[in-house]
Amino acid sequence: MESKQAPHIGILGSGSWATALVKIFSENTYRLNWYVRSEEKLKHIRAFRHNPQYLASVSIDLEKVALYQELLAFIRASDILVVAIPAAFIHQTLESIPAEEFEKKWVVSAVKGIIPEFHAIPARYFHKSFSIPYDRIGLICGPCHAEEIALERLSYLTVGSENKEIRNTLAQNMRSHYLRVNESDDLFGSELAAILKNVYAIASGICSGLGYGDNFQAIIVSNAMQEISRFLEAVHPIRRDVYSSAYLGDLMVTCYSKFSRNRTFGYMIGKGYTLKSAQLELGMVAEGYYAVASLMEINKKFQIELPILQAVYRILYAHSPVKKTIESLTLDLH
């Protein structure tokens, strides 16, 4: 993005987190573009100024927010593309778009998931599939839930990029009386941590569903943090503070919060729901379900000790008995 004028920011997606981001950015920018794939949902937003499916309490200022249903027109109208759709749908959404359409644009991931077709974090997918330089790629990560943004409860986010200008621009356009924004140059580590924490939230939910208490939850979270640290150090070894909010904070809120869809998904599995019934009951995408298979594939190269991640994989993909798998896992934790 080369223009010195205020950039046109575009939000790609219409789920709960995308809707929260529309609220955040529209409070700070004079014009925001919003891509809504569903014609029915788009018509409802135009008529009633709120998302009928997610965060219905959030009022959409249509004097600031321009709605798009045609993807290419949306991309061309936006200088900064904030991608906020589930990782499992990113490739099928974007694969038909020519790489040249992303030239001179910044692409920012707000996904918190892994692209399953390529076992790739979003930053790597954007770089490899569309030739977007890493210094034009950014990240928005937690610890933060969309529902608390809607309620304007004090929250903290982290924006990450190797490019300081991207970090500064995002932060300036997101800060508000209820939102603090930190900046990080650890694009890869922050994104990997945001993906990993979803898997550990599933583990936390499974254990809760099985009846394990708060004492054991502390063990799960502390061991999960150790696994995240080992994974990041092996895959992208740079100096970072894994106990800062983008890493430990994001892990904690995803493992403990009632708003965490990954924890809720795991809780249902622990309670005896079948995989299919848990997915249907949840009604939203649990990113950790897709991520765990890709993370296991990535770990074939690194051979990192990840007992919690491996246990979740066995439960979700190898159909191992839930109770026995967790009982076995408890022997590996400390």
C-alpha atoms as a PDB file:
ATOM      1  CA  MET A   1       0.000   0.000   0.000  1.00  0.00           C
ATOM      2  CA  GLU A   2       1.700   3.137  -1.205  1.00  0.00           C
ATOM      3  CA  SER A   3      -0.944   5.819  -0.794  1.00  0.00           C
ATOM      4  CA  LYS A   4      -0.268   8.402   1.943  1.00  0.00           C
ATOM      5  CA  GLN A   5      -3.997   9.030   2.279  1.00  0.00           C
ATOM      6  CA  ALA A   6      -6.039   7.213   4.909  1.00  0.00           C
ATOM      7  CA  PRO A   7      -6.240   3.587   3.724  1.00  0.00           C
ATOM      8  CA  HIS A   8      -9.491   1.892   2.821  1.00  0.00           C
ATOM      9  CA  ILE A   9      -9.754  -1.086   5.140  1.00  0.00           C
ATOM     10  CA  GLY A  10     -11.808  -4.098   4.097  1.00  0.00           C
ATOM     11  CA  ILE A  11     -13.168  -6.874   6.344  1.00  0.00           C
ATOM     12  CA  LEU A  12     -13.580 -10.197   4.546  1.00  0.00           C
ATOM     13  CA  GLY A  13     -16.076 -12.357   6.422  1.00  0.00           C
ATOM     14  CA  SER A  14     -19.376 -12.002   8.247  1.00  0.00           C
ATOM     15  CA  GLY A  15     -19.083 -14.227  11.308  1.00  0.00           C
ATOM     16  CA  SER A  16     -18.826 -13.105  14.918  1.00  0.00           C
ATOM     17  CA  TRP A  17     -15.164 -12.054  14.827  1.00  0.00           C
ATOM     18  CA  ALA A  18     -15.583 -10.293  11.466  1.00  0.00           C
ATOM     19  CA  THR A  19     -18.575  -8.412  12.882  1.00  0.00           C
ATOM     20  CA  ALA A  20     -16.553  -7.417  15.945  1.00  0.00           C
ATOM     21  CA  LEU A  21     -13.780  -6.137  13.675  1.00  0.00           C
ATOM     22  CA  VAL A  22     -16.310  -4.098  11.692  1.00  0.00           C
ATOM     23  CA  LYS A  23     -17.368  -2.486  14.964  1.00  0.00           C
ATOM     24  CA  ILE A  24     -13.751  -1.808  15.974  1.00  0.00           C
ATOM     25  CA  PHE A  25     -12.556  -0.341  12.684  1.00  0.00           C
ATOM     26  CA  SER A  26     -15.720   1.611  11.847  1.00  0.00           C
ATOM     27  CA  GLU A  27     -15.318   3.535  15.101  1.00  0.00           C
ATOM     28  CA  ASN A  28     -11.895   4.734  13.961  1.00  0.00           C
ATOM     29  CA  THR A  29     -12.095   5.101  10.167  1.00  0.00           C
ATOM     30  CA  TYR A  30     -14.177   7.281   7.903  1.00  0.00           C
ATOM     31  CA  ARG A  31     -14.864   4.457   5.467  1.00  0.00           C
ATOM     32  CA  LEU A  32     -14.809   0.694   5.877  1.00  0.00           C
ATOM     33  CA  ASN A  33     -15.524  -1.988   3.289  1.00  0.00           C
ATOM     34  CA  TRP A  34     -17.281  -5.200   4.361  1.00  0.00           C
ATOM     35  CA  TYR A  35     -17.569  -8.334   2.224  1.00  0.00           C
ATOM     36  CA  VAL A  36     -20.675 -10.371   3.089  1.00  0.00           C
ATOM     37  CA  ARG A  37     -21.033 -13.496   0.958  1.00  0.00           C
ATOM     38  CA  SER A  38     -24.655 -14.279   1.821  1.00  0.00           C
ATOM     39  CA  GLU A  39     -27.127 -12.166  -0.126  1.00  0.00           C
ATOM     40  CA  GLU A  40     -29.804 -12.733   2.509  1.00  0.00           C
ATOM     41  CA  LYS A  41     -27.518 -11.581   5.305  1.00  0.00           C
ATOM     42  CA  LEU A  42     -26.342  -8.579   3.308  1.00  0.00           C
ATOM     43  CA  LYS A  43     -29.943  -7.481   2.664  1.00  0.00           C
ATOM     44  CA  HIS A  44     -30.732  -7.846   6.357  1.00  0.00           C
ATOM     45  CA  ILE A  45     -27.729  -5.706   7.357  1.00  0.00           C
ATOM     46  CA  ARG A  46     -28.767  -3.027   4.859  1.00  0.00           C
ATOM     47  CA  ALA A  47     -32.322  -3.011   6.149  1.00  0.00           C
ATOM     48  CA  PHE A  48     -31.785  -3.353   9.900  1.00  0.00           C
ATOM     49  CA  ARG A  49     -28.127  -2.352  10.432  1.00  0.00           C
ATOM     50  CA  HIS A  50     -27.052  -5.432  12.341  1.00  0.00           C
ATOM     51  CA  ASN A  51     -25.810  -8.934  11.576  1.00  0.00           C
ATOM     52  CA  PRO A  52     -28.818 -11.250  12.005  1.00  0.00           C
ATOM     53  CA  GLN A  53     -26.693 -14.281  12.889  1.00  0.00           C
ATOM     54  CA  TYR A  54     -23.785 -12.979  14.974  1.00  0.00           C
ATOM     55  CA  LEU A  55     -23.440 -10.191  17.569  1.00  0.00           C
ATOM     56  CA  ALA A  56     -26.897  -8.844  16.746  1.00  0.00           C
ATOM     57  CA  SER A  57     -26.487  -6.129  19.388  1.00  0.00           C
ATOM     58  CA  VAL A  58     -23.741  -4.440  17.334  1.00  0.00           C
ATOM     59  CA  SER A  59     -25.177  -1.565  15.316  1.00  0.00           C
ATOM     60  CA  ILE A  60     -23.618  -1.107  11.864  1.00  0.00           C
ATOM     61  CA  ASP A  61     -23.058   2.496  10.797  1.00  0.00           C
ATOM     62  CA  LEU A  62     -23.897   2.290   7.081  1.00  0.00           C
ATOM     63  CA  GLU A  63     -22.693   5.858   6.546  1.00  0.00           C
ATOM     64  CA  LYS A  64     -19.200   4.516   7.212  1.00  0.00           C
ATOM     65  CA  VAL A  65     -19.531   0.862   6.159  1.00  0.00           C
ATOM     66  CA  ALA A  66     -19.802   0.008   2.451  1.00  0.00           C
ATOM     67  CA  LEU A  67     -21.242  -3.483   1.907  1.00  0.00           C
ATOM     68  CA  TYR A  68     -19.988  -5.756  -0.875  1.00  0.00           C
ATOM     69  CA  GLN A  69     -21.164  -9.129  -2.124  1.00  0.00           C
ATOM     70  CA  GLU A  70     -18.865  -9.289  -5.153  1.00  0.00           C
ATOM     71  CA  LEU A  71     -15.443 -10.386  -3.936  1.00  0.00           C
ATOM     72  CA  LEU A  72     -13.263  -8.921  -6.679  1.00  0.00           C
ATOM     73  CA  ALA A  73     -14.901  -5.498  -6.389  1.00  0.00           C
ATOM     74  CA  PHE A  74     -14.364  -5.631  -2.628  1.00  0.00           C
ATOM     75  CA  ILE A  75     -10.666  -6.453  -3.029  1.00  0.00           C
ATOM     76  CA  ARG A  76     -10.138  -3.692  -5.587  1.00  0.00           C
ATOM     77  CA  ALA A  77     -11.831  -1.141  -3.315  1.00  0.00           C
ATOM     78  CA  SER A  78      -9.659  -2.005  -0.294  1.00  0.00           C
ATOM     79  CA  ASP A  79      -6.037  -1.090   0.501  1.00  0.00           C
ATOM     80  CA  ILE A  80      -5.857  -3.296   3.589  1.00  0.00           C
ATOM     81  CA  LEU A  81      -7.618  -6.675   3.459  1.00  0.00           C
ATOM     82  CA  VAL A  82      -8.454  -8.103   6.870  1.00  0.00           C
ATOM     83  CA  VAL A  83      -9.308 -11.776   6.360  1.00  0.00           C
ATOM     84  CA  ALA A  84     -11.718 -12.993   9.044  1.00  0.00           C
ATOM     85  CA  ILE A  85     -13.259 -16.196   7.710  1.00  0.00           C
ATOM     86  CA  PRO A  86     -12.573 -19.719   9.021  1.00  0.00           C
ATOM     87  CA  ALA A  87      -9.257 -21.092   7.792  1.00  0.00           C
ATOM     88  CA  ALA A  88     -10.976 -24.138   6.284  1.00  0.00           C
ATOM     89  CA  PHE A  89     -12.768 -21.871   3.777  1.00  0.00           C
ATOM     90  CA  ILE A  90      -9.991 -19.434   2.866  1.00  0.00           C
ATOM     91  CA  HIS A  91      -8.575 -21.323  -0.101  1.00  0.00           C
ATOM     92  CA  GLN A  92     -11.929 -22.003  -1.747  1.00  0.00           C
ATOM     93  CA  THR A  93     -12.862 -18.339  -1.225  1.00  0.00           C
ATOM     94  CA  LEU A  94      -9.674 -16.839  -2.674  1.00  0.00           C
ATOM     95  CA  GLU A  95      -8.267 -19.416  -5.105  1.00  0.00           C
ATOM     96  CA  SER A  96      -9.955 -17.858  -8.159  1.00  0.00           C
ATOM     97  CA  ILE A  97      -8.510 -14.386  -7.456  1.00  0.00           C
ATOM     98  CA  PRO A  98      -5.421 -13.587  -9.602  1.00  0.00           C
ATOM     99  CA  ALA A  99      -2.270 -12.810  -7.630  1.00  0.00           C
ATOM    100  CA  GLU A 100      -1.923  -9.413  -9.295  1.00  0.00           C
ATOM    101  CA  GLU A 101      -5.096  -8.238  -7.522  1.00  0.00           C
ATOM    102  CA  PHE A 102      -3.125  -8.287  -4.261  1.00  0.00           C
ATOM    103  CA  GLU A 103      -0.261  -6.129  -5.546  1.00  0.00           C
ATOM    104  CA  LYS A 104       0.499  -3.101  -3.357  1.00  0.00           C
ATOM    105  CA  LYS A 105      -2.097  -4.227  -0.792  1.00  0.00           C
ATOM    106  CA  TRP A 106      -1.586  -5.265   2.803  1.00  0.00           C
ATOM    107  CA  VAL A 107      -3.184  -8.560   3.775  1.00  0.00           C
ATOM    108  CA  VAL A 108      -3.945  -9.083   7.455  1.00  0.00           C
ATOM    109  CA  SER A 109      -4.952 -12.417   8.968  1.00  0.00           C
ATOM    110  CA  ALA A 110      -7.555 -12.405  11.729  1.00  0.00           C
ATOM    111  CA  VAL A 111      -8.143 -16.108  11.222  1.00  0.00           C
ATOM    112  CA  LYS A 112      -6.524 -18.000  14.147  1.00  0.00           C
ATOM    113  CA  GLY A 113      -6.534 -21.201  12.115  1.00  0.00           C
ATOM    114  CA  ILE A 114      -4.482 -23.203   9.639  1.00  0.00           C
ATOM    115  CA  ILE A 115      -5.139 -23.687   5.903  1.00  0.00           C
ATOM    116  CA  PRO A 116      -5.849 -27.443   5.824  1.00  0.00           C
ATOM    117  CA  GLU A 117      -5.124 -27.985   2.114  1.00  0.00           C
ATOM    118  CA  PHE A 118      -1.529 -26.816   2.600  1.00  0.00           C
ATOM    119  CA  HIS A 119      -0.909 -27.372   6.349  1.00  0.00           C
ATOM    120  CA  ALA A 120       0.092 -23.703   6.287  1.00  0.00           C
ATOM    121  CA  ILE A 121      -0.475 -20.744   8.571  1.00  0.00           C
ATOM    122  CA  PRO A 122      -2.343 -17.932   6.770  1.00  0.00           C
ATOM    123  CA  ALA A 123       0.778 -15.766   6.396  1.00  0.00           C
ATOM    124  CA  ARG A 124       2.614 -18.538   4.558  1.00  0.00           C
ATOM    125  CA  TYR A 125      -0.463 -19.327   2.443  1.00  0.00           C
ATOM    126  CA  PHE A 126      -0.816 -15.691   1.333  1.00  0.00           C
ATOM    127  CA  HIS A 127       2.899 -15.529   0.537  1.00  0.00           C
ATOM    128  CA  LYS A 128       3.089 -18.804  -1.405  1.00  0.00           C
ATOM    129  CA  SER A 129      -0.274 -18.679  -3.204  1.00  0.00           C
ATOM    130  CA  PHE A 130      -0.389 -14.986  -4.147  1.00  0.00           C
ATOM    131  CA  SER A 131       3.283 -13.922  -4.018  1.00  0.00           C
ATOM    132  CA  ILE A 132       2.542 -11.380  -1.294  1.00  0.00           C
ATOM    133  CA  PRO A 133       5.819 -10.334   0.394  1.00  0.00           C
ATOM    134  CA  TYR A 134       5.954 -11.010   4.119  1.00  0.00           C
ATOM    135  CA  ASP A 135       6.483  -7.299   4.747  1.00  0.00           C
ATOM    136  CA  ARG A 136       2.964  -6.713   3.358  1.00  0.00           C
ATOM    137  CA  ILE A 137       1.353  -9.301   5.638  1.00  0.00           C
ATOM    138  CA  GLY A 138      -0.024  -8.686   9.120  1.00  0.00           C
ATOM    139  CA  LEU A 139      -1.874 -10.419  11.925  1.00  0.00           C
ATOM    140  CA  ILE A 140      -4.531  -9.633  14.505  1.00  0.00           C
ATOM    141  CA  CYS A 141      -4.583 -11.957  17.515  1.00  0.00           C
ATOM    142  CA  GLY A 142      -5.916 -12.113  21.068  1.00  0.00           C
ATOM    143  CA  PRO A 143      -6.523 -12.519  23.883  1.00  0.00           C
ATOM    144  CA  CYS A 144      -9.982 -11.381  22.897  1.00  0.00           C
ATOM    145  CA  HIS A 145     -13.481 -12.745  22.270  1.00  0.00           C
ATOM    146  CA  ALA A 146     -15.914 -11.095  19.886  1.00  0.00           C
ATOM    147  CA  GLU A 147     -18.741 -11.224  22.416  1.00  0.00           C
ATOM    148  CA  GLU A 148     -16.846  -9.011  24.883  1.00  0.00           C
ATOM    149  CA  ILE A 149     -15.984  -6.555  22.107  1.00  0.00           C
ATOM    150  CA  ALA A 150     -19.719  -6.269  21.442  1.00  0.00           C
ATOM    151  CA  LEU A 151     -20.246  -5.522  25.144  1.00  0.00           C
ATOM    152  CA  GLU A 152     -17.330  -3.024  25.114  1.00  0.00           C
ATOM    153  CA  ARG A 153     -15.617  -4.780  27.987  1.00  0.00           C
ATOM    154  CA  LEU A 154     -11.989  -3.750  28.373  1.00  0.00           C
ATOM    155  CA  SER A 155      -9.960  -5.986  26.039  1.00  0.00           C
ATOM    156  CA  TYR A 156      -6.446  -6.256  24.629  1.00  0.00           C
ATOM    157  CA  LEU A 157      -5.367  -7.293  21.138  1.00  0.00           C
ATOM    158  CA  THR A 158      -1.999  -7.784  19.502  1.00  0.00           C
ATOM    159  CA  VAL A 159      -1.208  -6.771  15.927  1.00  0.00           C
ATOM    160  CA  GLY A 160       1.796  -8.462  14.372  1.00  0.00           C
ATOM    161  CA  SER A 161       3.918  -7.847  11.300  1.00  0.00           C
ATOM    162  CA  GLU A 162       7.539  -7.635  10.249  1.00  0.00           C
ATOM    163  CA  ASN A 163       6.561  -4.223   8.859  1.00  0.00           C
ATOM    164  CA  LYS A 164       6.346  -1.512  11.522  1.00  0.00           C
ATOM    165  CA  GLU A 165       4.100   0.649   9.330  1.00  0.00           C
ATOM    166  CA  ILE A 166       1.493  -2.124   9.147  1.00  0.00           C
ATOM    167  CA  ARG A 167       1.575  -2.588  12.916  1.00  0.00           C
ATOM    168  CA  ASN A 168       1.256   1.135  13.578  1.00  0.00           C
ATOM    169  CA  THR A 169      -1.547   1.635  11.059  1.00  0.00           C
ATOM    170  CA  LEU A 170      -3.593  -1.253  12.426  1.00  0.00           C
ATOM    171  CA  ALA A 171      -3.080  -0.167  16.016  1.00  0.00           C
ATOM    172  CA  GLN A 172      -4.074   3.432  15.289  1.00  0.00           C
ATOM    173  CA  ASN A 173      -7.255   2.274  13.583  1.00  0.00           C
ATOM    174  CA  MET A 174      -8.262  -0.128  16.354  1.00  0.00           C
ATOM    175  CA  ARG A 175      -7.578   1.545  19.713  1.00  0.00           C
ATOM    176  CA  SER A 176     -10.574   2.812  21.648  1.00  0.00           C
ATOM    177  CA  HIS A 177     -11.809   3.412  25.183  1.00  0.00           C
ATOM    178  CA  TYR A 178     -12.448  -0.333  25.594  1.00  0.00           C
ATOM    179  CA  LEU A 179      -9.639  -1.753  23.423  1.00  0.00           C
ATOM    180  CA  ARG A 180      -5.887  -1.639  23.995  1.00  0.00           C
ATOM    181  CA  VAL A 181      -3.628  -2.776  21.151  1.00  0.00           C
ATOM    182  CA  ASN A 182      -0.097  -4.116  21.514  1.00  0.00           C
ATOM    183  CA  GLU A 183       2.363  -4.488  18.644  1.00  0.00           C
ATOM    184  CA  SER A 184       4.672  -7.405  17.816  1.00  0.00           C
ATOM    185  CA  ASP A 185       7.178  -8.190  15.084  1.00  0.00           C
ATOM    186  CA  ASP A 186       6.730 -11.962  15.663  1.00  0.00           C
ATOM    187  CA  LEU A 187       4.373 -12.636  12.751  1.00  0.00           C
ATOM    188  CA  PHE A 188       4.997 -16.389  12.559  1.00  0.00           C
ATOM    189  CA  GLY A 189       5.191 -17.105  16.280  1.00  0.00           C
ATOM    190  CA  SER A 190       2.071 -15.091  17.103  1.00  0.00           C
ATOM    191  CA  GLU A 191       0.115 -16.821  14.356  1.00  0.00           C
ATOM    192  CA  LEU A 192       1.280 -20.297  15.344  1.00  0.00           C
ATOM    193  CA  ALA A 193       0.443 -19.624  18.990  1.00  0.00           C
ATOM    194  CA  ALA A 194      -3.038 -18.423  17.985  1.00  0.00           C
ATOM    195  CA  ILE A 195      -3.542 -21.705  16.130  1.00  0.00           C
ATOM    196  CA  LEU A 196      -2.102 -23.957  18.835  1.00  0.00           C
ATOM    197  CA  LYS A 197      -4.161 -22.464  21.658  1.00  0.00           C
ATOM    198  CA  ASN A 198      -7.371 -23.628  19.959  1.00  0.00           C
ATOM    199  CA  VAL A 199      -6.226 -27.242  20.170  1.00  0.00           C
ATOM    200  CA  TYR A 200      -5.415 -26.854  23.864  1.00  0.00           C
ATOM    201  CA  ALA A 201      -8.803 -25.236  24.465  1.00  0.00           C
ATOM    202  CA  ILE A 202     -10.401 -28.383  23.009  1.00  0.00           C
ATOM    203  CA  ALA A 203      -8.322 -30.438  25.456  1.00  0.00           C
ATOM    204  CA  SER A 204      -9.437 -28.182  28.312  1.00  0.00           C
ATOM    205  CA  GLY A 205     -13.069 -28.602  27.298  1.00  0.00           C
ATOM    206  CA  ILE A 206     -12.761 -32.381  26.997  1.00  0.00           C
ATOM    207  CA  CYS A 207     -11.316 -32.607  30.509  1.00  0.00           C
ATOM    208  CA  SER A 208     -14.060 -30.379  31.891  1.00  0.00           C
ATOM    209  CA  GLY A 209     -16.693 -32.509  30.187  1.00  0.00           C
ATOM    210  CA  LEU A 210     -15.172 -35.602  31.772  1.00  0.00           C
ATOM    211  CA  GLY A 211     -15.446 -34.026  35.218  1.00  0.00           C
ATOM    212  CA  TYR A 212     -11.886 -32.943  35.880  1.00  0.00           C
ATOM    213  CA  GLY A 213     -11.772 -29.891  38.134  1.00  0.00           C
ATOM    214  CA  ASP A 214      -9.993 -26.558  38.327  1.00  0.00           C
ATOM    215  CA  ASN A 215      -6.835 -28.088  39.796  1.00  0.00           C
ATOM    216  CA  PHE A 216      -6.334 -30.275  36.751  1.00  0.00           C
ATOM    217  CA  GLN A 217      -7.251 -27.432  34.389  1.00  0.00           C
ATOM    218  CA  ALA A 218      -4.256 -25.544  35.775  1.00  0.00           C
ATOM    219  CA  ILE A 219      -2.072 -28.524  34.876  1.00  0.00           C
ATOM    220  CA  ILE A 220      -3.501 -28.695  31.348  1.00  0.00           C
ATOM    221  CA  VAL A 221      -2.911 -24.982  30.732  1.00  0.00           C
ATOM    222  CA  SER A 222       0.600 -24.908  32.207  1.00  0.00           C
ATOM    223  CA  ASN A 223       1.632 -27.988  30.199  1.00  0.00           C
ATOM    224  CA  ALA A 224      -0.018 -26.532  27.092  1.00  0.00           C
ATOM    225  CA  MET A 225       2.100 -23.404  27.490  1.00  0.00           C
ATOM    226  CA  GLN A 226       5.198 -25.587  27.636  1.00  0.00           C
ATOM    227  CA  GLU A 227       4.142 -27.345  24.424  1.00  0.00           C
ATOM    228  CA  ILE A 228       3.525 -24.028  22.675  1.00  0.00           C
ATOM    229  CA  SER A 229       6.945 -22.780  23.774  1.00  0.00           C
ATOM    230  CA  ARG A 230       8.674 -25.936  22.490  1.00  0.00           C
ATOM    231  CA  PHE A 231       6.794 -25.762  19.193  1.00  0.00           C
ATOM    232  CA  LEU A 232       7.591 -22.101  18.537  1.00  0.00           C
ATOM    233  CA  GLU A 233      11.236 -22.544  19.462  1.00  0.00           C
ATOM    234  CA  ALA A 234      11.580 -25.470  17.037  1.00  0.00           C
ATOM    235  CA  VAL A 235       9.609 -24.023  14.126  1.00  0.00           C
ATOM    236  CA  HIS A 236      10.537 -20.326  14.346  1.00  0.00           C
ATOM    237  CA  PRO A 237      13.346 -19.724  16.841  1.00  0.00           C
ATOM    238  CA  ILE A 238      13.558 -16.022  17.628  1.00  0.00           C
ATOM    239  CA  ARG A 239      13.644 -14.097  20.895  1.00  0.00           C
ATOM    240  CA  ARG A 240      10.079 -13.742  22.242  1.00  0.00           C
ATOM    241  CA  ASP A 241       8.292 -13.553  25.571  1.00  0.00           C
ATOM    242  CA  VAL A 242       5.834 -16.464  25.482  1.00  0.00           C
ATOM    243  CA  TYR A 243       4.329 -15.270  28.771  1.00  0.00           C
ATOM    244  CA  SER A 244       3.001 -12.059  27.196  1.00  0.00           C
ATOM    245  CA  SER A 245      -0.667 -11.610  26.349  1.00  0.00           C
ATOM    246  CA  ALA A 246      -0.420 -12.688  22.699  1.00  0.00           C
ATOM    247  CA  TYR A 247       0.762 -16.131  23.795  1.00  0.00           C
ATOM    248  CA  LEU A 248      -0.104 -17.021  27.401  1.00  0.00           C
ATOM    249  CA  GLY A 249      -3.027 -14.589  27.632  1.00  0.00           C
ATOM    250  CA  ASP A 250      -4.622 -15.894  24.446  1.00  0.00           C
ATOM    251  CA  LEU A 251      -4.176 -19.482  25.621  1.00  0.00           C
ATOM    252  CA  MET A 252      -5.786 -18.768  28.986  1.00  0.00           C
ATOM    253  CA  VAL A 253      -8.874 -16.979  27.694  1.00  0.00           C
ATOM    254  CA  THR A 254      -9.466 -19.638  25.037  1.00  0.00           C
ATOM    255  CA  CYS A 255      -9.155 -22.451  27.580  1.00  0.00           C
ATOM    256  CA  TYR A 256     -11.303 -20.821  30.288  1.00  0.00           C
ATOM    257  CA  SER A 257     -13.903 -18.559  28.664  1.00  0.00           C
ATOM    258  CA  LYS A 258     -17.545 -19.463  28.235  1.00  0.00           C
ATOM    259  CA  PHE A 259     -17.322 -17.706  24.865  1.00  0.00           C
ATOM    260  CA  SER A 260     -14.625 -20.097  23.582  1.00  0.00           C
ATOM    261  CA  ARG A 261     -16.104 -22.223  20.826  1.00  0.00           C
ATOM    262  CA  ASN A 262     -13.106 -24.583  20.907  1.00  0.00           C
ATOM    263  CA  ARG A 263     -13.514 -25.185  24.637  1.00  0.00           C
ATOM    264  CA  THR A 264     -17.256 -25.669  24.148  1.00  0.00           C
ATOM    265  CA  PHE A 265     -16.614 -28.135  21.322  1.00  0.00           C
ATOM    266  CA  GLY A 266     -14.207 -30.090  23.534  1.00  0.00           C
ATOM    267  CA  TYR A 267     -16.666 -30.021  26.446  1.00  0.00           C
ATOM    268  CA  MET A 268     -19.306 -31.681  24.281  1.00  0.00           C
ATOM    269  CA  ILE A 269     -16.834 -34.356  23.199  1.00  0.00           C
ATOM    270  CA  GLY A 270     -15.998 -34.974  26.858  1.00  0.00           C
ATOM    271  CA  LYS A 271     -19.705 -35.266  27.626  1.00  0.00           C
ATOM    272  CA  GLY A 272     -20.102 -38.025  25.054  1.00  0.00           C
ATOM    273  CA  TYR A 273     -21.290 -36.173  21.963  1.00  0.00           C
ATOM    274  CA  THR A 274     -20.236 -37.710  18.685  1.00  0.00           C
ATOM    275  CA  LEU A 275     -17.931 -35.593  16.567  1.00  0.00           C
ATOM    276  CA  LYS A 276     -20.705 -34.824  14.086  1.00  0.00           C
ATOM    277  CA  SER A 277     -23.294 -33.986  16.729  1.00  0.00           C
ATOM    278  CA  ALA A 278     -20.852 -31.687  18.548  1.00  0.00           C
ATOM    279  CA  GLN A 279     -20.113 -29.821  15.309  1.00  0.00           C
ATOM    280  CA  LEU A 280     -23.820 -29.453  14.535  1.00  0.00           C
ATOM    281  CA  GLU A 281     -24.674 -28.356  18.071  1.00  0.00           C
ATOM    282  CA  LEU A 282     -21.876 -25.789  18.105  1.00  0.00           C
ATOM    283  CA  GLY A 283     -23.160 -24.171  14.919  1.00  0.00           C
ATOM    284  CA  MET A 284     -19.814 -22.426  14.357  1.00  0.00           C
ATOM    285  CA  VAL A 285     -16.366 -23.536  13.235  1.00  0.00           C
ATOM    286  CA  ALA A 286     -14.023 -24.803  15.949  1.00  0.00           C
ATOM    287  CA  GLU A 287     -10.683 -23.941  14.339  1.00  0.00           C
ATOM    288  CA  GLY A 288      -8.819 -26.350  16.598  1.00  0.00           C
ATOM    289  CA  TYR A 289     -10.525 -29.351  15.008  1.00  0.00           C
ATOM    290  CA  TYR A 290      -8.966 -28.616  11.610  1.00  0.00           C
ATOM    291  CA  ALA A 291      -5.706 -27.356  13.073  1.00  0.00           C
ATOM    292  CA  VAL A 292      -4.801 -30.467  15.047  1.00  0.00           C
ATOM    293  CA  ALA A 293      -4.422 -32.671  11.950  1.00  0.00           C
ATOM    294  CA  SER A 294      -2.226 -30.096  10.193  1.00  0.00           C
ATOM    295  CA  LEU A 295      -0.109 -29.525  13.295  1.00  0.00           C
ATOM    296  CA  MET A 296       0.490 -33.258  13.584  1.00  0.00           C
ATOM    297  CA  GLU A 297       1.577 -33.282   9.945  1.00  0.00           C
ATOM    298  CA  ILE A 298       3.955 -30.361  10.524  1.00  0.00           C
ATOM    299  CA  ASN A 299       5.382 -32.092  13.588  1.00  0.00           C
ATOM    300  CA  LYS A 300       6.455 -35.094  11.524  1.00  0.00           C
ATOM    301  CA  LYS A 301       9.385 -32.929  10.469  1.00  0.00           C
ATOM    302  CA  PHE A 302      10.259 -31.532  13.909  1.00  0.00           C
ATOM    303  CA  GLN A 303       9.361 -34.446  16.226  1.00  0.00           C
ATOM    304  CA  ILE A 304       8.519 -32.144  19.142  1.00  0.00           C
ATOM    305  CA  GLU A 305       7.162 -33.661  22.347  1.00  0.00           C
ATOM    306  CA  LEU A 306       3.471 -32.637  22.310  1.00  0.00           C
ATOM    307  CA  PRO A 307       1.465 -35.103  24.421  1.00  0.00           C
ATOM    308  CA  ILE A 308      -1.663 -32.936  24.773  1.00  0.00           C
ATOM    309  CA  LEU A 309      -1.866 -32.203  21.056  1.00  0.00           C
ATOM    310  CA  GLN A 310      -1.317 -35.883  20.292  1.00  0.00           C
ATOM    311  CA  ALA A 311      -4.086 -36.900  22.709  1.00  0.00           C
ATOM    312  CA  VAL A 312      -6.558 -34.494  21.075  1.00  0.00           C
ATOM    313  CA  TYR A 313      -5.598 -35.864  17.659  1.00  0.00           C
ATOM    314  CA  ARG A 314      -6.196 -39.448  18.789  1.00  0.00           C
ATOM    315  CA  ILE A 315      -9.630 -38.548  20.140  1.00  0.00           C
ATOM    316  CA  LEU A 316     -10.797 -36.517  17.132  1.00  0.00           C
ATOM    317  CA  TYR A 317      -9.190 -38.410  14.260  1.00  0.00           C
ATOM    318  CA  ALA A 318      -8.208 -41.893  15.472  1.00  0.00           C
ATOM    319  CA  HIS A 319     -11.457 -42.281  17.461  1.00  0.00           C
ATOM    320  CA  SER A 320      -9.619 -43.328  20.609  1.00  0.00           C
ATOM    321  CA  PRO A 321     -11.841 -43.712  23.692  1.00  0.00           C
ATOM    322  CA  VAL A 322     -12.048 -40.273  25.252  1.00  0.00           C
ATOM    323  CA  LYS A 323     -11.825 -41.235  28.915  1.00  0.00           C
ATOM    324  CA  LYS A 324      -8.966 -43.725  28.473  1.00  0.00           C
ATOM    325  CA  THR A 325      -7.012 -41.302  26.271  1.00  0.00           C
ATOM    326  CA  ILE A 326      -7.184 -38.536  28.868  1.00  0.00           C
ATOM    327  CA  GLU A 327      -6.348 -40.956  31.679  1.00  0.00           C
ATOM    328  CA  SER A 328      -3.249 -41.969  29.728  1.00  0.00           C
ATOM    329  CA  LEU A 329      -2.396 -38.289  29.099  1.00  0.00           C
ATOM    330  CA  THR A 330      -2.438 -37.519  32.826  1.00  0.00           C
ATOM    331  CA  LEU A 331       0.611 -39.761  33.241  1.00  0.00           C
ATOM    332  CA  ASP A 332       2.590 -37.555  30.813  1.00  0.00           C
ATOM    333  CA  LEU A 333       1.831 -34.252  32.546  1.00  0.00           C
ATOM    334  CA  HIS A 334       3.665 -32.635  35.410  1.00  0.00           C
END
